[in-house]
N, C-alpha and C. Protein backbone atom coordinates (compact mmCIF):
# COMPACT_ATOMS: atom_id res chain seq x y z
N UNK A 1 0.94 -0.86 -0.51
CA UNK A 1 0.06 0.17 -0.28
C UNK A 1 0.83 1.34 -0.07
N UNK A 2 0.34 2.23 -0.76
CA UNK A 2 1.33 2.82 -0.98
C UNK A 2 0.25 4.78 -0.53
N UNK A 3 1.20 5.66 0.34
CA UNK A 3 0.96 6.57 0.41
C UNK A 3 1.40 7.61 0.09
N UNK A 4 0.11 8.62 -0.99
CA UNK A 4 1.13 9.43 -1.30
C UNK A 4 1.91 10.17 -0.39
N UNK A 5 2.44 11.07 -1.45
CA UNK A 5 3.68 11.88 -0.40
C UNK A 5 2.82 13.13 0.26
N UNK A 6 1.27 13.95 -0.83
CA UNK A 6 1.33 14.94 -0.15
C UNK A 6 0.82 14.76 1.39
N UNK A 7 0.35 13.60 1.45
CA UNK A 7 -0.66 12.79 3.04
C UNK A 7 -0.11 12.30 4.20
N UNK A 8 0.93 13.20 4.15
CA UNK A 8 2.03 12.71 4.70
C UNK A 8 2.34 13.39 5.09
N UNK A 9 2.07 13.86 7.03
CA UNK A 9 3.32 15.65 7.24
C UNK A 9 4.00 15.59 8.41
N UNK A 10 5.02 15.79 8.21
CA UNK A 10 6.30 15.70 9.19
C UNK A 10 6.14 16.11 9.90
N UNK A 11 6.03 15.22 11.84
CA UNK A 11 5.89 16.29 13.14
C UNK A 11 7.34 16.12 13.01
N UNK A 12 8.37 17.42 13.75
CA UNK A 12 9.31 16.80 14.30
C UNK A 12 9.52 16.30 15.93
N UNK A 13 10.44 15.84 16.50
CA UNK A 13 9.84 15.32 17.64
C UNK A 13 10.89 16.21 18.50
N UNK A 14 10.11 16.63 19.83
CA UNK A 14 11.08 17.51 20.21
C UNK A 14 11.49 16.83 21.69
N UNK A 15 11.89 15.36 20.87
CA UNK A 15 12.07 15.39 22.91
C UNK A 15 11.89 14.91 24.07
N UNK A 16 10.76 15.23 23.93
CA UNK A 16 9.38 15.49 25.21
C UNK A 16 8.43 14.22 24.88
N UNK A 17 8.25 13.33 26.20
CA UNK A 17 7.70 12.22 25.80
C UNK A 17 6.29 12.56 27.04
N UNK A 18 5.23 12.02 26.33
CA UNK A 18 3.86 12.60 26.55
C UNK A 18 3.39 12.42 28.41
N UNK A 19 3.23 12.85 29.33
CA UNK A 19 3.30 12.36 30.54
C UNK A 19 1.81 11.93 30.71
N UNK A 20 1.68 10.45 31.07
CA UNK A 20 0.66 10.17 31.25
C UNK A 20 -0.74 10.11 32.60
N UNK A 21 -1.36 10.43 33.41
CA UNK A 21 -2.05 11.25 34.45
C UNK A 21 -1.91 10.29 35.43
N UNK A 22 -2.00 10.13 36.61
CA UNK A 22 -1.52 8.93 36.55
C UNK A 22 -2.95 8.87 37.85
N UNK A 23 -3.77 8.09 38.89
CA UNK A 23 -4.17 8.56 40.36
C UNK A 23 -3.49 8.48 41.27
N UNK A 24 -3.27 9.33 41.99
CA UNK A 24 -2.80 9.48 43.23
C UNK A 24 -3.02 8.46 44.09
N UNK A 25 -1.91 8.26 44.85
CA UNK A 25 -2.59 7.70 46.39
C UNK A 25 -1.36 7.80 47.30
N UNK A 26 -2.13 7.34 48.35
CA UNK A 26 -1.14 7.51 50.07
C UNK A 26 -1.10 6.94 50.60
N UNK A 27 0.84 6.94 49.88
CA UNK A 27 1.84 5.57 50.36
C UNK A 27 1.67 5.13 51.75
N UNK A 28 2.09 3.77 51.97
CA UNK A 28 1.82 3.26 53.36
C UNK A 28 3.07 2.97 53.29
N UNK A 29 3.23 1.99 54.86
CA UNK A 29 2.71 1.91 55.74
C UNK A 29 1.57 3.42 56.60
N UNK A 30 0.32 2.24 56.87
CA UNK A 30 -0.30 3.96 58.20
C UNK A 30 0.10 3.49 59.20
N UNK A 31 0.27 3.71 60.41
CA UNK A 31 0.38 3.76 61.35
C UNK A 31 -0.78 3.74 62.25
N UNK A 32 -1.59 2.80 62.14
CA UNK A 32 -3.07 2.37 63.24
C UNK A 32 -2.75 3.54 64.51
N UNK A 33 -1.98 3.59 65.30
CA UNK A 33 -2.27 3.75 66.65
C UNK A 33 -1.69 6.06 65.99
N UNK A 34 -1.03 5.98 64.93
CA UNK A 34 -0.72 7.26 64.25
C UNK A 34 -2.36 8.24 64.23
N UNK A 35 -3.23 7.22 63.57
CA UNK A 35 -4.75 7.90 62.45
C UNK A 35 -5.63 7.96 64.46
N UNK A 36 -5.31 7.09 64.89
CA UNK A 36 -6.22 7.09 66.74
C UNK A 36 -5.78 8.05 67.09
N UNK A 37 -4.95 8.62 67.01
CA UNK A 37 -4.36 9.16 68.14
C UNK A 37 -5.15 11.04 67.44
N UNK A 38 -4.64 11.22 66.43
CA UNK A 38 -4.92 12.26 65.50
C UNK A 38 -6.55 12.18 66.49
N UNK A 39 -6.91 11.23 65.46
CA UNK A 39 -8.05 11.18 65.33
C UNK A 39 -9.40 11.37 67.21
N UNK A 40 -8.57 10.79 68.04
CA UNK A 40 -8.77 11.60 69.40
C UNK A 40 -8.30 13.12 70.28
N UNK A 41 -6.87 13.62 70.19
CA UNK A 41 -6.54 14.57 70.21
C UNK A 41 -6.80 15.27 69.71
N UNK A 42 -7.30 15.53 67.84
CA UNK A 42 -7.49 16.03 67.43
C UNK A 42 -8.65 17.00 66.97
N UNK A 43 -8.35 18.56 66.17
CA UNK A 43 -9.66 18.38 66.12
C UNK A 43 -10.28 17.60 64.35
N UNK A 44 -10.93 17.77 63.83
CA UNK A 44 -11.34 16.84 63.05
C UNK A 44 -10.81 17.51 61.66
N UNK A 45 -10.55 18.49 61.08
CA UNK A 45 -9.60 19.34 59.82
C UNK A 45 -7.82 18.01 60.13
N UNK A 46 -7.99 18.24 61.62
CA UNK A 46 -6.52 17.15 61.44
C UNK A 46 -6.56 16.21 60.24
N UNK A 47 -7.76 15.33 60.55
CA UNK A 47 -7.00 14.02 59.76
C UNK A 47 -6.79 14.64 58.93
N UNK A 48 -7.34 15.05 57.58
CA UNK A 48 -7.30 14.91 56.29
C UNK A 48 -5.25 15.95 55.84
N UNK A 49 -4.90 17.29 56.71
CA UNK A 49 -3.88 17.39 57.28
C UNK A 49 -2.83 16.40 57.59
N UNK A 50 -3.26 15.63 58.22
CA UNK A 50 -2.35 14.19 58.88
C UNK A 50 -2.14 13.18 57.51
N UNK A 51 -3.26 12.78 56.62
CA UNK A 51 -3.38 11.90 55.44
C UNK A 51 -2.36 13.35 54.34
N UNK A 52 -2.52 14.17 53.84
CA UNK A 52 -1.85 15.25 53.58
C UNK A 52 -0.44 14.94 54.02
N UNK A 53 0.25 14.71 54.86
CA UNK A 53 1.74 14.75 54.83
C UNK A 53 2.36 13.53 54.94
N UNK A 54 1.39 12.15 54.99
CA UNK A 54 1.73 10.79 53.99
C UNK A 54 1.52 10.44 52.76
N UNK A 55 1.41 11.29 52.07
CA UNK A 55 0.66 11.38 50.65
C UNK A 55 2.46 12.35 50.72
N UNK A 56 2.63 13.23 51.10
CA UNK A 56 3.90 13.49 50.76
C UNK A 56 5.14 13.13 50.88
N UNK A 57 4.84 12.30 52.14
CA UNK A 57 5.78 11.22 52.29
C UNK A 57 6.00 10.52 51.22
N UNK A 58 4.96 9.34 50.66
CA UNK A 58 5.35 8.70 50.00
C UNK A 58 6.04 9.35 48.46
N UNK A 59 5.79 10.46 48.05
CA UNK A 59 6.57 11.39 47.41
C UNK A 59 7.59 11.50 47.57
N UNK A 60 8.65 11.26 48.90
CA UNK A 60 9.33 11.65 49.22
C UNK A 60 10.21 12.25 48.52
N UNK A 61 9.35 13.52 49.30
CA UNK A 61 9.96 15.06 48.30
C UNK A 61 10.13 15.81 49.86
N UNK A 62 11.77 16.44 49.40
CA UNK A 62 12.05 17.21 50.78
C UNK A 62 10.48 18.07 51.74
N UNK A 63 11.43 18.06 53.03
CA UNK A 63 10.33 19.30 53.94
C UNK A 63 9.56 20.64 53.07
N UNK A 64 9.24 21.20 52.81
CA UNK A 64 8.58 22.39 52.10
C UNK A 64 7.09 22.83 52.85
N UNK A 65 6.46 24.25 52.58
CA UNK A 65 5.28 23.98 53.26
C UNK A 65 4.32 23.35 52.36
N UNK A 66 3.43 23.30 53.10
CA UNK A 66 1.55 22.87 52.17
C UNK A 66 1.42 24.07 51.25
N UNK A 67 1.12 23.24 49.89
CA UNK A 67 1.20 24.47 49.11
C UNK A 67 -0.62 24.32 48.40
N UNK A 68 -1.04 25.48 48.32
CA UNK A 68 -2.79 25.83 47.96
C UNK A 68 -3.40 24.64 47.61
N UNK A 69 -2.34 23.51 46.08
CA UNK A 69 -3.59 23.11 45.84
C UNK A 69 -2.72 21.74 45.68
N UNK A 70 -2.25 21.09 47.41
CA UNK A 70 -2.15 20.06 47.88
C UNK A 70 -3.51 20.37 49.01
N UNK A 71 -3.86 21.47 49.46
CA UNK A 71 -5.28 21.54 49.72
C UNK A 71 -6.31 21.48 49.29
N UNK A 72 -6.11 21.55 48.20
CA UNK A 72 -7.25 21.10 47.42
C UNK A 72 -7.48 19.89 47.02
N UNK A 73 -6.59 19.02 46.98
CA UNK A 73 -7.02 18.38 46.53
C UNK A 73 -7.30 17.30 47.67
N UNK A 74 -7.59 17.91 48.85
CA UNK A 74 -7.66 17.07 50.07
C UNK A 74 -8.77 18.00 50.81
N UNK A 75 -9.22 19.02 49.88
CA UNK A 75 -10.18 19.81 50.40
C UNK A 75 -10.12 20.57 51.85
N UNK A 76 -9.13 21.09 51.72
CA UNK A 76 -7.94 21.66 53.06
C UNK A 76 -8.69 23.57 53.08
N UNK A 77 -9.37 24.06 54.18
CA UNK A 77 -9.46 25.49 54.21
C UNK A 77 -7.83 26.04 54.63
N UNK A 78 -7.59 26.73 54.68
CA UNK A 78 -6.39 27.35 54.92
C UNK A 78 -6.07 27.63 56.81
N UNK A 79 -6.90 28.50 56.97
CA UNK A 79 -7.68 28.52 58.15
C UNK A 79 -7.24 26.92 58.80
N UNK A 80 -7.95 26.47 58.70
CA UNK A 80 -8.56 24.69 59.19
C UNK A 80 -6.92 24.29 58.89
N UNK A 81 -6.09 24.35 58.26
CA UNK A 81 -4.35 24.21 58.29
C UNK A 81 -4.33 24.57 58.99
N UNK A 82 -3.70 25.56 59.34
CA UNK A 82 -3.09 26.57 61.00
C UNK A 82 -3.53 25.73 61.68
N UNK A 83 -4.81 25.55 62.10
CA UNK A 83 -5.46 24.84 63.41
C UNK A 83 -5.20 23.44 63.19
N UNK A 84 -4.93 22.99 62.67
CA UNK A 84 -4.81 20.88 62.87
C UNK A 84 -2.80 21.66 62.50
N UNK A 85 -2.47 22.23 62.30
CA UNK A 85 -1.35 22.32 62.28
C UNK A 85 -0.37 22.00 63.73
N UNK A 86 -0.99 23.43 64.43
CA UNK A 86 -1.23 23.60 65.51
C UNK A 86 -1.65 22.16 66.29
N UNK A 87 -2.55 21.80 66.41
CA UNK A 87 -3.12 20.71 67.11
C UNK A 87 -2.26 18.96 67.31
N UNK A 88 -1.96 19.57 65.56
CA UNK A 88 -0.93 17.53 65.44
C UNK A 88 0.47 18.32 66.37
N UNK A 89 0.31 19.55 66.73
CA UNK A 89 2.13 19.82 67.54
C UNK A 89 1.69 18.92 68.90
N UNK A 90 0.91 19.67 69.08
CA UNK A 90 0.45 19.58 70.83
C UNK A 90 0.50 18.38 70.14
N UNK A 91 0.09 17.91 70.11
CA UNK A 91 0.09 15.76 70.39
C UNK A 91 1.21 15.45 69.90
N UNK A 92 2.15 16.37 69.56
CA UNK A 92 3.27 15.51 69.77
C UNK A 92 3.81 14.25 68.47
N UNK A 93 2.80 14.77 67.13
CA UNK A 93 2.55 13.91 66.03
C UNK A 93 3.75 14.57 65.11
N UNK A 94 3.85 15.49 64.52
CA UNK A 94 4.70 16.07 64.19
C UNK A 94 5.31 17.25 64.55
N UNK A 95 6.04 17.93 63.73
CA UNK A 95 7.17 18.85 64.15
C UNK A 95 7.49 20.30 62.97
N UNK A 96 7.11 21.22 63.88
CA UNK A 96 7.49 22.12 62.84
C UNK A 96 8.56 22.76 63.45
N UNK A 97 8.95 22.88 61.85
CA UNK A 97 10.35 23.46 61.72
C UNK A 97 10.62 24.95 60.96
N UNK A 98 11.37 26.41 61.66
CA UNK A 98 10.81 27.37 60.92
C UNK A 98 11.94 27.35 59.78
N UNK A 99 11.95 28.14 58.56
CA UNK A 99 12.45 28.06 57.65
C UNK A 99 11.89 29.79 57.29
N UNK A 100 12.25 30.55 56.72
CA UNK A 100 12.49 32.12 57.45
C UNK A 100 10.68 32.36 57.63
N UNK A 101 9.82 32.95 56.97
CA UNK A 101 8.84 33.50 57.46
C UNK A 101 7.74 32.04 57.78
N UNK A 102 7.70 31.07 57.23
CA UNK A 102 7.37 29.98 57.06
C UNK A 102 7.40 29.01 58.20
N UNK A 103 6.53 28.04 58.27
CA UNK A 103 7.15 26.78 58.73
C UNK A 103 5.75 25.46 58.54
N UNK A 104 7.49 24.23 58.22
CA UNK A 104 7.64 23.51 57.12
C UNK A 104 6.59 22.12 58.23
N UNK A 105 6.01 21.81 58.25
CA UNK A 105 5.22 20.49 58.85
C UNK A 105 6.37 18.82 58.49
N UNK A 106 6.87 18.27 59.55
CA UNK A 106 7.84 17.24 59.20
C UNK A 106 6.81 16.11 59.81
N UNK A 107 6.38 14.91 59.59
CA UNK A 107 5.52 13.79 60.22
C UNK A 107 7.01 13.62 61.51
N UNK A 108 6.64 12.99 62.72
CA UNK A 108 7.22 12.47 63.27
C UNK A 108 6.55 11.07 64.21
N UNK A 109 7.05 9.96 63.41
CA UNK A 109 6.51 8.56 64.08
C UNK A 109 7.74 8.25 65.31
N UNK A 110 8.53 8.69 66.19
CA UNK A 110 9.17 8.11 67.12
C UNK A 110 8.85 9.11 68.08
N UNK A 111 8.36 9.88 68.12
CA UNK A 111 8.49 10.93 69.64
C UNK A 111 6.88 9.74 70.38
N UNK A 112 5.91 9.64 70.09
CA UNK A 112 4.66 8.64 70.40
C UNK A 112 4.60 7.80 69.87
N UNK A 113 5.92 6.78 69.55
CA UNK A 113 5.37 5.60 68.73
C UNK A 113 5.24 4.89 70.49
N UNK A 114 4.27 3.18 69.69
CA UNK A 114 3.59 3.22 71.57
C UNK A 114 5.06 1.52 71.58
N UNK A 115 5.40 1.23 72.49
CA UNK A 115 6.49 0.99 72.95
C UNK A 115 6.34 -0.92 72.44
N UNK A 116 4.34 -1.08 72.96
CA UNK A 116 4.06 -2.82 72.57
C UNK A 116 2.73 -2.94 71.37
N UNK A 117 3.07 -3.87 71.15
CA UNK A 117 1.52 -3.46 70.28
C UNK A 117 0.85 -4.24 70.67
N UNK A 118 -0.48 -3.60 70.07
CA UNK A 118 -1.78 -4.00 71.08
C UNK A 118 -2.79 -4.70 69.81
N UNK A 119 -3.20 -6.48 70.49
CA UNK A 119 -3.38 -7.77 69.67
C UNK A 119 -4.23 -7.49 69.28
């Protein structure tokens, strides 16, 4: 089968491979004791922030401030974020590291980790 040369269009290769959109997942393991502590000692708005921090941990990104697009992903309002971060820090589940004028939340899975496992 021959195709007429006028019907063939030259498309230059730019070197970029199209990126496929993939579903987003929270990377585990998620310690049940951590989620129970968030649920019992913090406001309800702290649970989405805790899940967001585990999501970021799965990306293995360096610690940085929480962005507006990340908050939209979990349906979090900016005032709820501030209250939730304060609650999580008071419960000793995260540490807030100052960087300039911003606070960087970092998961702290060792401070309150139970010494024995309940079965």
